N, C-alpha and C. Protein backbone atom coordinates (compact mmCIF):
# COMPACT_ATOMS: atom_id res chain seq x y z
N MET A 1 -19.21 -10.01 -17.28
CA MET A 1 -17.88 -9.21 -17.99
C MET A 1 -18.70 -7.89 -17.02
N THR A 2 -17.85 -7.34 -16.02
CA THR A 2 -18.50 -6.42 -15.18
C THR A 2 -18.20 -4.82 -15.49
N GLY A 3 -17.39 -4.54 -16.75
CA GLY A 3 -17.40 -3.56 -17.11
C GLY A 3 -16.60 -2.72 -16.64
N ARG A 4 -15.75 -2.93 -15.61
CA ARG A 4 -14.45 -2.54 -14.71
C ARG A 4 -13.44 -2.36 -15.48
N PRO A 5 -12.38 -1.12 -15.41
CA PRO A 5 -10.93 -1.19 -16.44
C PRO A 5 -10.36 -2.25 -16.09
N ALA A 6 -9.56 -2.61 -16.93
CA ALA A 6 -8.28 -3.79 -16.49
C ALA A 6 -7.67 -3.09 -15.63
N THR A 7 -6.60 -3.61 -14.58
CA THR A 7 -6.01 -3.14 -13.70
C THR A 7 -4.50 -3.66 -13.71
N PHE A 8 -3.66 -3.10 -13.64
CA PHE A 8 -2.33 -3.67 -13.81
C PHE A 8 -1.44 -3.79 -12.72
N TYR A 9 -0.74 -4.83 -12.24
CA TYR A 9 0.04 -4.28 -10.95
C TYR A 9 1.42 -4.64 -11.03
N GLY A 10 2.04 -4.43 -10.67
CA GLY A 10 3.81 -4.45 -10.82
C GLY A 10 3.91 -3.93 -10.11
N CYS A 11 5.92 -4.00 -9.59
CA CYS A 11 6.72 -3.91 -8.78
C CYS A 11 7.54 -2.40 -8.99
N GLU A 12 7.79 -1.41 -8.46
CA GLU A 12 8.14 -0.14 -9.01
C GLU A 12 9.43 0.51 -8.52
N THR A 13 10.31 -0.10 -8.84
CA THR A 13 11.68 0.86 -8.14
C THR A 13 12.26 2.37 -8.38
N ASN A 14 11.51 2.98 -9.18
CA ASN A 14 11.56 4.38 -9.24
C ASN A 14 10.09 5.07 -9.53
N LEU A 15 9.56 4.88 -8.59
CA LEU A 15 7.97 5.56 -8.67
C LEU A 15 7.86 6.98 -8.57
N PRO A 16 7.05 7.64 -9.52
CA PRO A 16 7.57 9.34 -8.94
C PRO A 16 7.03 9.96 -8.22
N LEU A 17 7.99 10.73 -7.53
CA LEU A 17 7.08 11.09 -5.89
C LEU A 17 6.01 11.67 -6.27
N ALA A 18 5.49 12.28 -7.37
CA ALA A 18 4.33 12.68 -7.57
C ALA A 18 3.02 11.83 -7.79
N ASP A 19 3.44 10.69 -8.19
CA ASP A 19 2.50 9.87 -7.95
C ASP A 19 2.20 9.21 -6.47
N PHE A 20 3.04 9.20 -5.45
CA PHE A 20 3.15 8.16 -4.48
C PHE A 20 2.19 9.90 -3.71
N ARG A 21 2.86 10.74 -3.97
CA ARG A 21 2.05 11.85 -2.84
C ARG A 21 0.48 12.02 -3.23
N ARG A 22 -0.10 11.95 -4.83
CA ARG A 22 -1.53 11.98 -5.31
C ARG A 22 -2.21 10.77 -4.59
N VAL A 23 -1.66 9.33 -4.50
CA VAL A 23 -2.32 8.20 -4.04
C VAL A 23 -2.62 8.49 -2.65
N LEU A 24 -1.71 9.00 -2.25
CA LEU A 24 -1.46 8.76 -0.81
C LEU A 24 -3.25 10.04 -0.34
N GLY A 25 -2.45 11.48 -0.50
CA GLY A 25 -3.64 12.33 -0.58
C GLY A 25 -4.76 12.03 -1.37
N ASP A 26 -5.64 10.73 -1.95
CA ASP A 26 -6.78 11.21 -2.53
C ASP A 26 -7.12 9.56 -1.77
N SER A 27 -6.37 9.12 -0.83
CA SER A 27 -6.77 8.34 -0.25
C SER A 27 -7.60 8.18 1.35
N ILE A 28 -7.60 6.87 1.96
CA ILE A 28 -8.19 7.41 3.44
C ILE A 28 -6.85 7.51 4.54
N LEU A 29 -5.46 7.61 3.83
CA LEU A 29 -4.33 7.68 4.39
C LEU A 29 -3.85 9.06 4.48
N GLY A 30 -4.44 9.91 3.61
CA GLY A 30 -4.41 11.39 3.03
C GLY A 30 -3.83 11.90 4.67
N ALA A 31 -5.05 12.34 5.88
CA ALA A 31 -4.99 12.61 6.83
C ALA A 31 -3.56 12.41 7.54
N SER A 32 -3.20 11.12 7.36
CA SER A 32 -2.07 10.78 8.46
C SER A 32 -0.85 10.81 7.90
N ARG A 33 -0.66 10.75 6.74
CA ARG A 33 0.74 11.01 5.91
C ARG A 33 1.33 12.30 5.88
N PRO A 34 2.97 12.86 5.69
CA PRO A 34 3.26 14.08 5.68
C PRO A 34 2.77 14.50 3.82
N ILE A 35 1.88 14.54 3.57
CA ILE A 35 1.83 14.93 2.33
C ILE A 35 2.03 16.34 1.47
N GLU A 36 2.34 16.93 2.49
CA GLU A 36 3.18 18.15 2.23
C GLU A 36 4.49 18.85 2.17
N ASP A 37 5.19 17.40 2.78
CA ASP A 37 6.78 17.08 3.24
C ASP A 37 6.88 16.72 1.96
N ALA A 38 7.66 17.07 1.24
CA ALA A 38 8.11 16.33 -0.23
C ALA A 38 9.66 15.37 0.09
N ALA A 39 10.46 16.07 1.12
CA ALA A 39 11.56 15.67 1.48
C ALA A 39 11.44 13.94 2.35
N ARG A 40 10.29 14.24 2.99
CA ARG A 40 10.26 13.21 3.91
C ARG A 40 9.14 12.06 3.54
N LEU A 41 8.41 12.56 2.58
CA LEU A 41 7.54 11.73 1.38
C LEU A 41 8.90 11.01 0.27
N GLY A 42 9.60 11.83 0.35
CA GLY A 42 11.13 11.00 -0.53
C GLY A 42 11.58 9.57 0.01
N ALA A 43 12.00 10.03 1.59
CA ALA A 43 12.64 9.20 2.10
C ALA A 43 11.83 8.05 2.54
N MET A 44 10.54 8.16 2.89
CA MET A 44 9.76 7.39 2.71
C MET A 44 9.82 6.24 1.69
N LEU A 45 9.70 6.78 0.20
CA LEU A 45 9.60 6.02 -0.90
C LEU A 45 11.07 5.21 -1.18
N SER A 46 12.38 6.12 -1.00
CA SER A 46 12.90 5.49 -1.09
C SER A 46 13.56 4.89 -0.38
N GLY A 47 13.13 4.26 1.27
CA GLY A 47 13.28 3.80 2.04
C GLY A 47 12.59 2.13 2.10
N ALA A 48 11.87 2.43 1.10
CA ALA A 48 11.16 1.12 0.82
C ALA A 48 11.99 -0.19 0.03
N ASN A 49 11.72 -1.00 0.41
CA ASN A 49 12.47 -2.04 -0.49
C ASN A 49 11.19 -2.76 -1.29
N LEU A 50 9.63 -2.64 -1.15
CA LEU A 50 8.77 -3.23 -1.67
C LEU A 50 8.16 -2.09 -2.38
N VAL A 51 7.94 -1.71 -3.28
CA VAL A 51 6.61 -0.65 -3.73
C VAL A 51 6.09 -1.56 -4.81
N LEU A 52 4.60 -1.36 -4.83
CA LEU A 52 4.19 -2.42 -5.86
C LEU A 52 2.90 -1.30 -6.20
N THR A 53 2.50 -1.47 -7.42
CA THR A 53 1.17 -0.10 -7.76
C THR A 53 0.35 -1.15 -8.29
N ALA A 54 -0.71 -0.44 -8.29
CA ALA A 54 -1.82 -0.51 -9.53
C ALA A 54 -2.25 0.41 -10.13
N ARG A 55 -2.05 -0.28 -11.44
CA ARG A 55 -2.35 1.12 -12.30
C ARG A 55 -3.71 0.90 -13.07
N MET A 56 -4.63 2.10 -13.44
CA MET A 56 -5.56 1.81 -14.23
C MET A 56 -5.66 1.55 -16.17
N GLY A 57 -6.49 0.74 -16.03
CA GLY A 57 -6.52 0.74 -18.09
C GLY A 57 -5.76 0.56 -18.87
N ARG A 58 -3.98 0.46 -18.19
CA ARG A 58 -3.53 0.07 -19.36
C ARG A 58 -1.80 0.00 -18.46
N ALA A 59 -0.98 -0.87 -18.48
CA ALA A 59 0.79 -1.00 -17.96
C ALA A 59 1.04 0.36 -17.69
N GLY A 60 0.88 1.27 -18.36
CA GLY A 60 1.15 2.83 -18.00
C GLY A 60 0.55 3.80 -17.96
N GLY A 61 -0.92 3.13 -17.48
CA GLY A 61 -1.79 4.11 -17.14
C GLY A 61 -1.73 4.62 -15.95
N GLN A 62 -2.42 5.56 -15.56
CA GLN A 62 -2.68 5.95 -14.38
C GLN A 62 -1.98 5.05 -12.75
N VAL A 63 -1.29 5.58 -12.12
CA VAL A 63 -1.48 5.06 -10.77
C VAL A 63 -2.23 5.21 -9.49
N VAL A 64 -3.42 3.90 -9.43
CA VAL A 64 -4.71 4.39 -8.49
C VAL A 64 -4.13 3.65 -7.14
N GLY A 65 -3.52 2.82 -7.20
CA GLY A 65 -3.30 2.07 -5.75
C GLY A 65 -1.69 1.91 -5.31
N ILE A 66 -1.37 2.24 -4.01
CA ILE A 66 0.07 1.77 -3.89
C ILE A 66 0.16 1.05 -2.68
N ALA A 67 1.10 0.27 -2.61
CA ALA A 67 1.46 -0.72 -1.61
C ALA A 67 3.13 -0.57 -1.22
N ARG A 68 3.72 -0.29 -0.27
CA ARG A 68 4.59 0.24 0.41
C ARG A 68 4.88 -0.69 1.53
N GLY A 69 6.27 -1.30 1.75
CA GLY A 69 6.55 -1.85 2.77
C GLY A 69 8.08 -2.08 2.92
N VAL A 70 8.55 -2.58 4.07
CA VAL A 70 10.04 -2.60 4.16
C VAL A 70 9.94 -4.49 4.70
N THR A 71 10.98 -5.01 3.60
CA THR A 71 11.06 -6.77 4.30
C THR A 71 12.17 -7.41 4.15
N ASP A 72 12.77 -8.07 4.68
CA ASP A 72 13.95 -8.92 4.53
C ASP A 72 13.42 -9.83 3.27
N PHE A 73 12.64 -10.19 2.85
CA PHE A 73 11.86 -11.57 2.14
C PHE A 73 12.15 -13.19 2.55
N ALA A 74 12.71 -13.03 3.80
CA ALA A 74 12.96 -14.06 4.54
C ALA A 74 11.69 -14.76 5.36
N TRP A 75 11.90 -13.53 6.46
CA TRP A 75 10.92 -13.77 7.50
C TRP A 75 9.18 -12.92 7.60
N CYS A 76 9.89 -11.60 8.00
CA CYS A 76 8.17 -11.08 7.66
C CYS A 76 8.60 -9.88 7.15
N CYS A 77 7.38 -8.70 6.49
CA CYS A 77 7.45 -7.70 6.20
C CYS A 77 6.42 -6.71 6.73
N TYR A 78 7.01 -5.54 6.97
CA TYR A 78 6.30 -4.23 7.51
C TYR A 78 5.48 -3.46 6.29
N ILE A 79 4.29 -3.74 6.21
CA ILE A 79 3.49 -3.28 5.18
C ILE A 79 3.16 -1.12 5.71
N SER A 80 3.70 -0.51 5.23
CA SER A 80 4.05 1.05 5.54
C SER A 80 2.49 1.53 4.88
N GLU A 81 2.34 1.25 3.43
CA GLU A 81 1.15 1.65 3.12
C GLU A 81 0.40 1.17 2.35
N LEU A 82 -1.10 0.84 2.38
CA LEU A 82 -1.81 0.31 1.52
C LEU A 82 -2.93 1.28 0.89
N ALA A 83 -3.10 1.91 -0.23
CA ALA A 83 -3.43 3.15 0.11
C ALA A 83 -3.90 2.93 -2.05
N VAL A 84 -5.47 3.25 -2.08
CA VAL A 84 -5.92 3.13 -3.25
C VAL A 84 -6.87 4.46 -3.10
N CYS A 85 -6.48 5.32 -4.37
CA CYS A 85 -7.23 6.58 -4.39
C CYS A 85 -9.04 6.61 -4.62
N ALA A 86 -9.34 7.78 -3.93
CA ALA A 86 -10.83 7.17 -3.41
C ALA A 86 -11.72 7.06 -4.84
N SER A 87 -11.38 7.42 -5.71
CA SER A 87 -12.25 7.32 -6.81
C SER A 87 -12.48 5.73 -7.69
N ALA A 88 -11.03 4.99 -6.78
CA ALA A 88 -10.95 3.56 -7.08
C ALA A 88 -11.47 2.68 -6.66
N GLN A 89 -12.17 3.06 -5.28
CA GLN A 89 -12.46 2.17 -4.07
C GLN A 89 -13.28 1.19 -4.37
N GLY A 90 -13.79 -0.01 -4.16
CA GLY A 90 -15.01 -0.79 -4.72
C GLY A 90 -14.32 -1.47 -5.61
N LEU A 91 -13.41 -1.03 -6.57
CA LEU A 91 -12.83 -2.39 -7.50
C LEU A 91 -12.51 -3.40 -7.33
N GLY A 92 -11.79 -3.53 -6.22
CA GLY A 92 -11.40 -4.54 -5.61
C GLY A 92 -9.73 -4.41 -5.49
N ILE A 93 -9.29 -3.34 -6.01
CA ILE A 93 -7.44 -2.35 -6.51
C ILE A 93 -7.04 -2.86 -4.52
N GLY A 94 -7.44 -2.35 -3.50
CA GLY A 94 -6.65 -3.13 -2.72
C GLY A 94 -6.35 -4.50 -2.32
N ARG A 95 -7.45 -5.21 -2.55
CA ARG A 95 -7.08 -7.00 -2.00
C ARG A 95 -6.40 -6.92 -3.36
N GLY A 96 -6.74 -6.44 -4.36
CA GLY A 96 -5.07 -7.74 -5.16
C GLY A 96 -4.23 -6.46 -5.43
N LEU A 97 -4.07 -5.33 -4.52
CA LEU A 97 -2.55 -5.05 -4.39
C LEU A 97 -2.06 -6.16 -2.50
N PHE A 98 -2.81 -6.37 -1.85
CA PHE A 98 -2.43 -7.59 -0.98
C PHE A 98 -2.35 -8.28 -1.70
N ASP A 99 -3.02 -8.98 -2.61
CA ASP A 99 -2.20 -10.65 -3.31
C ASP A 99 -1.61 -10.45 -4.18
N GLU A 100 -1.12 -9.44 -4.27
CA GLU A 100 0.33 -8.70 -5.11
C GLU A 100 1.07 -9.14 -4.25
N ILE A 101 1.12 -8.50 -2.84
CA ILE A 101 2.35 -8.08 -1.58
C ILE A 101 2.27 -9.60 -1.41
N ARG A 102 1.22 -10.62 -0.84
CA ARG A 102 1.47 -12.26 -1.15
C ARG A 102 2.38 -12.69 -1.86
N HIS A 103 1.72 -12.41 -3.16
CA HIS A 103 2.80 -13.40 -4.31
C HIS A 103 4.01 -13.04 -4.11
N ALA A 104 4.55 -11.65 -3.97
CA ALA A 104 5.99 -11.43 -4.05
C ALA A 104 6.65 -11.63 -2.89
N LEU A 105 5.69 -11.64 -2.05
CA LEU A 105 7.01 -12.33 -0.86
C LEU A 105 6.56 -13.91 -0.40
N GLY A 106 5.91 -14.57 -1.36
CA GLY A 106 5.73 -16.04 -1.15
C GLY A 106 4.70 -16.43 0.18
N PRO A 107 4.92 -17.51 0.71
CA PRO A 107 4.58 -18.61 1.58
C PRO A 107 5.03 -18.65 3.61
N ARG A 108 6.29 -18.09 3.03
CA ARG A 108 7.35 -17.94 3.71
C ARG A 108 7.40 -16.76 5.08
N VAL A 109 6.65 -15.79 4.15
CA VAL A 109 7.45 -14.34 4.89
C VAL A 109 5.77 -13.79 5.38
N SER A 110 5.91 -13.14 6.68
CA SER A 110 5.05 -12.86 7.45
C SER A 110 4.23 -11.41 6.99
N ILE A 111 3.18 -11.17 7.34
CA ILE A 111 3.15 -9.79 6.58
C ILE A 111 2.11 -9.07 8.04
N VAL A 112 2.90 -7.56 8.22
CA VAL A 112 2.32 -7.00 9.74
C VAL A 112 2.45 -5.70 9.06
N LEU A 113 1.24 -4.85 9.47
CA LEU A 113 1.07 -3.86 9.00
C LEU A 113 0.00 -2.95 10.54
N SER A 114 0.53 -2.03 10.71
CA SER A 114 -0.57 -1.17 11.33
C SER A 114 -1.88 -0.16 10.93
N SER A 115 -3.02 -0.65 11.19
CA SER A 115 -4.03 -0.27 10.29
C SER A 115 -4.48 1.04 10.63
N VAL A 116 -5.13 2.10 9.82
CA VAL A 116 -5.79 2.97 10.17
C VAL A 116 -7.26 2.74 10.70
N PRO A 117 -8.25 3.33 11.69
CA PRO A 117 -9.44 2.67 11.87
C PRO A 117 -10.52 2.60 11.01
N GLY A 118 -10.37 3.10 9.36
CA GLY A 118 -11.19 3.22 8.18
C GLY A 118 -11.16 1.87 7.68
N ALA A 119 -9.86 1.91 7.94
CA ALA A 119 -9.60 0.26 7.28
C ALA A 119 -9.64 -1.28 7.80
N VAL A 120 -9.80 -0.62 9.05
CA VAL A 120 -9.57 -2.60 10.07
C VAL A 120 -10.27 -3.41 9.11
N GLU A 121 -11.56 -3.05 9.06
CA GLU A 121 -12.17 -4.13 7.98
C GLU A 121 -12.08 -4.60 7.10
N PHE A 122 -11.48 -3.92 5.69
CA PHE A 122 -10.82 -4.42 5.00
C PHE A 122 -9.73 -5.71 5.46
N TYR A 123 -9.06 -5.27 6.40
CA TYR A 123 -7.70 -6.16 6.66
C TYR A 123 -8.80 -7.64 7.34
N GLU A 124 -9.86 -7.13 8.27
CA GLU A 124 -10.66 -8.62 8.60
C GLU A 124 -10.66 -9.77 7.44
N ARG A 125 -11.54 -8.36 6.47
CA ARG A 125 -12.37 -9.25 5.35
C ARG A 125 -11.06 -10.39 4.26
N ALA A 126 -9.77 -9.47 4.43
CA ALA A 126 -8.91 -9.96 3.73
C ALA A 126 -8.32 -11.27 4.62
N GLY A 127 -8.32 -11.35 5.59
CA GLY A 127 -7.88 -12.75 6.31
C GLY A 127 -6.88 -12.46 7.39
N MET A 128 -6.62 -11.37 7.84
CA MET A 128 -5.50 -10.60 8.56
C MET A 128 -6.05 -11.06 9.80
N ALA A 129 -5.68 -11.65 11.03
CA ALA A 129 -5.91 -12.00 12.19
C ALA A 129 -5.07 -10.12 13.17
N ARG A 130 -5.94 -10.02 14.07
CA ARG A 130 -5.35 -9.03 14.95
C ARG A 130 -4.35 -9.54 15.87
N VAL A 131 -3.60 -9.14 16.01
CA VAL A 131 -2.57 -9.23 17.39
C VAL A 131 -2.12 -8.17 18.50
N PRO A 132 -2.86 -8.88 19.36
CA PRO A 132 -3.25 -8.32 20.43
C PRO A 132 -1.87 -7.80 21.23
N ASP A 133 -0.94 -8.85 20.96
CA ASP A 133 0.37 -7.97 21.50
C ASP A 133 2.04 -7.62 20.70
N ALA A 134 0.91 -6.55 20.21
CA ALA A 134 1.74 -5.09 19.56
C ALA A 134 2.14 -4.45 20.01
N PHE A 135 3.38 -3.47 20.03
CA PHE A 135 3.86 -2.51 20.80
C PHE A 135 4.37 -1.43 19.72
N TRP A 136 4.22 -0.38 20.05
CA TRP A 136 4.38 0.31 19.61
C TRP A 136 5.12 2.36 19.92
N TYR A 137 6.31 2.67 19.59
CA TYR A 137 6.31 4.26 20.22
C TYR A 137 5.99 5.03 19.06
N ARG A 138 5.14 6.08 19.44
CA ARG A 138 4.40 6.79 18.81
C ARG A 138 5.39 8.17 17.92
N ARG A 139 5.10 8.58 17.14
CA ARG A 139 6.13 9.44 16.41
C ARG A 139 5.44 10.67 17.64
N THR A 140 6.53 11.86 17.67
CA THR A 140 6.74 12.97 18.14
C THR A 140 6.38 14.22 16.72
N LYS A 141 6.77 13.51 16.35
CA LYS A 141 6.66 14.92 14.59
C LYS A 141 6.18 14.12 13.64
């Protein structure tokens, strides 16, 4: 036994904005997301059609991890965030969320994401390959 609290993963269609903001703000993504702009965060959350959470301790416990994506469930999925609270890092929650994403999508759907520099090694350890031919129009606001 590892002494780690149980983690419950699930798909959430009505995740409270406060939980989304808190997890982003307490993760490596906090500096790169508009956590002070509630309207924009709300639009980000409502625009996703795949929202998975990790809750600590019990099924209704505190949200400590979130994965948010947009997918057609047939060909590809873009993961916009995979965030884990700093206090829960190192417990396998990010890997658990990634496994839940793969389970929800199945083997026929590819997964694409853009990593913040501090998370590159995590995605490499998770078995994702770097893609040299990706393109991006950067946000101006």
